[in-house]
Amino acid sequence: MLTLVHPVVRAHVPYAAAEAAVCDSVRLTYAELTERTGAVAAAVRDLGLAPGDRVALLAANCHRYLELLLAVPGAGMVPVPLNTRLSPAEMRHVLTHSGTRVLVTDRDVGSLVNLGEHVVTIPDGYEALVDAGRRLAGQVPAQPSENDLAVLSS
């Protein structure tokens, strides 16, 4: 079963040194993006998540957001991208009703912090997640099926 991450992994072979993502001063090659995406997938699974669990994303568009959009479904979980313009009440509703277990964010979420089991802050907590995932290299990921939910949109 192909997921969103497969085109990046496939491009890694012939274009490993080519730029895949640019965000401010960060420039990632396909090799780096593939490696970071795999690390994020392993680390998210290591948080105790199971296939189908929800991971909410509340952050500006950047390379980390792209990595999450690729890694989460590749690990068998469901990304829940939150619109940064939602009010706190609207975010609370989406997080509660989506069943989100992990929130990855680049901003202060105030009282929303209590809605999931884990809150991963960008950049520090996220980079620690990437580092933890690198230490988990070699884990066999859950394989999504064609009937799995790919994304929940708010």
Protein backbone atom coordinates (compact mmCIF):
# COMPACT_ATOMS: atom_id res chain seq x y z
CA MET A 1 0.00 0.00 0.00
CA LEU A 2 1.42 3.36 -1.00
CA THR A 3 1.19 6.32 1.38
CA LEU A 4 2.14 9.97 1.12
CA VAL A 5 5.74 9.20 2.07
CA HIS A 6 6.39 6.73 -0.78
CA PRO A 7 7.06 9.34 -3.51
CA VAL A 8 9.71 10.94 -1.27
CA VAL A 9 11.32 7.59 -0.49
CA ARG A 10 11.26 6.70 -4.18
CA ALA A 11 12.84 10.06 -5.13
CA HIS A 12 15.54 9.46 -2.53
CA VAL A 13 17.28 6.89 -4.73
CA PRO A 14 17.95 8.91 -7.91
CA TYR A 15 17.85 12.37 -6.30
CA ALA A 16 19.40 11.84 -2.86
CA ALA A 17 21.51 15.02 -3.06
CA ALA A 18 18.82 17.22 -4.66
CA GLU A 19 16.89 19.73 -2.56
CA ALA A 20 13.55 18.41 -1.39
CA ALA A 21 12.48 21.10 1.09
CA VAL A 22 13.50 24.65 1.92
CA CYS A 23 12.36 26.57 4.98
CA ASP A 24 14.12 29.80 5.85
CA SER A 25 17.80 28.83 6.19
CA VAL A 26 17.11 25.08 6.36
CA ARG A 27 17.64 23.17 3.13
CA LEU A 28 16.97 19.43 3.15
CA THR A 29 17.95 16.99 0.45
CA TYR A 30 15.77 14.01 -0.41
CA ALA A 31 18.17 11.84 1.59
CA GLU A 32 17.83 14.07 4.65
CA LEU A 33 14.06 14.39 4.31
CA THR A 34 13.71 10.61 4.00
CA GLU A 35 15.92 10.02 7.03
CA ARG A 36 14.12 12.59 9.19
CA THR A 37 10.69 11.33 8.11
CA GLY A 38 11.65 7.77 9.08
CA ALA A 39 12.96 8.97 12.43
CA VAL A 40 9.75 10.89 13.16
CA ALA A 41 7.62 7.86 12.24
CA ALA A 42 9.62 5.61 14.57
CA ALA A 43 9.53 8.12 17.43
CA VAL A 44 5.77 8.71 17.13
CA ARG A 45 5.17 4.96 17.25
CA ASP A 46 7.44 4.80 20.31
CA LEU A 47 5.12 7.22 22.14
CA GLY A 48 2.75 4.28 22.46
CA LEU A 49 0.53 5.11 19.51
CA ALA A 50 -1.23 2.44 17.52
CA PRO A 51 -2.31 2.41 13.89
CA GLY A 52 -5.27 4.74 13.42
CA ASP A 53 -4.38 7.00 16.36
CA ARG A 54 -4.58 10.74 15.72
CA VAL A 55 -1.65 13.19 15.71
CA ALA A 56 -2.64 16.86 15.50
CA LEU A 57 -0.40 19.42 13.80
CA LEU A 58 -0.63 23.09 14.79
CA ALA A 59 2.29 24.90 13.23
CA ALA A 60 3.41 27.16 10.43
CA ASN A 61 4.24 25.56 7.10
CA CYS A 62 7.89 24.53 7.15
CA HIS A 63 10.05 21.44 6.73
CA ARG A 64 8.94 19.98 10.07
CA TYR A 65 5.28 20.23 9.05
CA LEU A 66 6.09 18.42 5.80
CA GLU A 67 7.98 15.73 7.71
CA LEU A 68 4.97 15.15 9.96
CA LEU A 69 2.52 15.03 7.06
CA LEU A 70 4.68 12.31 5.53
CA ALA A 71 5.69 10.40 8.67
CA VAL A 72 2.39 10.13 10.51
CA PRO A 73 0.40 8.27 7.81
CA GLY A 74 3.53 6.33 6.88
CA ALA A 75 3.55 5.06 10.48
CA GLY A 76 -0.11 4.07 10.20
CA MET A 77 -1.50 7.00 12.20
CA VAL A 78 -3.80 9.81 11.10
CA PRO A 79 -2.61 13.42 10.88
CA VAL A 80 -5.07 16.08 12.01
CA PRO A 81 -3.81 19.37 10.55
CA LEU A 82 -5.27 22.29 12.49
CA ASN A 83 -5.89 25.62 10.82
CA THR A 84 -3.79 28.19 12.69
CA ARG A 85 -6.68 30.66 12.42
CA LEU A 86 -9.08 28.55 14.48
CA SER A 87 -10.15 30.00 17.81
CA PRO A 88 -9.12 28.15 20.98
CA ALA A 89 -12.72 26.88 21.34
CA GLU A 90 -12.69 25.55 17.77
CA MET A 91 -9.31 23.88 18.33
CA ARG A 92 -10.60 22.31 21.55
CA HIS A 93 -13.59 20.93 19.62
CA VAL A 94 -11.43 19.44 16.85
CA LEU A 95 -8.91 17.94 19.28
CA THR A 96 -11.62 16.46 21.49
CA HIS A 97 -13.78 15.05 18.73
CA SER A 98 -10.92 13.74 16.59
CA GLY A 99 -9.54 11.65 19.44
CA THR A 100 -6.11 13.28 19.14
CA ARG A 101 -3.49 11.62 21.32
CA VAL A 102 -0.47 13.75 20.33
CA LEU A 103 -0.33 17.47 19.52
CA VAL A 104 2.72 18.83 17.71
CA THR A 105 2.86 22.62 17.81
CA ASP A 106 5.08 25.65 17.38
CA ARG A 107 3.01 27.92 19.64
CA ASP A 108 1.65 28.24 23.16
CA VAL A 109 -1.55 26.23 23.28
CA GLY A 110 -2.63 27.27 26.77
CA SER A 111 -5.37 25.05 28.17
CA LEU A 112 -5.32 22.81 25.07
CA VAL A 113 -2.19 21.19 26.47
CA ASN A 114 -4.38 18.88 28.59
CA LEU A 115 -6.34 17.45 25.66
CA GLY A 116 -3.81 14.89 24.46
CA GLU A 117 -1.41 12.46 26.04
CA HIS A 118 1.64 14.19 24.57
CA VAL A 119 2.43 17.72 23.43
CA VAL A 120 5.54 18.05 21.29
CA THR A 121 6.82 21.59 20.89
CA ILE A 122 8.61 22.85 17.81
CA PRO A 123 11.56 23.23 17.58
CA ASP A 124 13.06 21.75 20.77
CA GLY A 125 10.66 18.90 21.54
CA TYR A 126 10.36 18.03 17.88
CA GLU A 127 14.11 17.81 17.33
CA ALA A 128 14.34 15.62 20.45
CA LEU A 129 11.67 13.42 18.84
CA VAL A 130 13.75 13.18 15.65
CA ASP A 131 16.84 12.25 17.69
CA ALA A 132 14.88 9.60 19.61
CA GLY A 133 13.60 8.19 16.33
CA ARG A 134 17.13 7.91 14.97
CA ARG A 135 17.99 5.65 17.91
CA LEU A 136 15.03 3.43 17.00
CA ALA A 137 16.27 2.76 13.46
CA GLY A 138 15.38 -0.65 12.17
CA GLN A 139 11.95 -0.95 13.76
CA VAL A 140 9.42 -2.51 11.43
CA PRO A 141 6.62 0.02 10.88
CA ALA A 142 2.95 -0.85 10.80
CA GLN A 143 1.81 -1.18 7.22
CA PRO A 144 -1.27 0.90 6.40
CA SER A 145 -4.00 -0.74 4.36
CA GLU A 146 -6.04 0.76 1.54
CA ASN A 147 -8.98 1.18 3.92
CA ASP A 148 -7.07 3.22 6.51
CA LEU A 149 -7.96 6.86 7.07
CA ALA A 150 -5.29 9.08 5.49
CA VAL A 151 -6.02 12.45 7.15
CA LEU A 152 -8.66 14.30 9.20
CA SER A 153 -9.09 17.91 8.19
CA SER A 154 -10.50 20.60 10.44
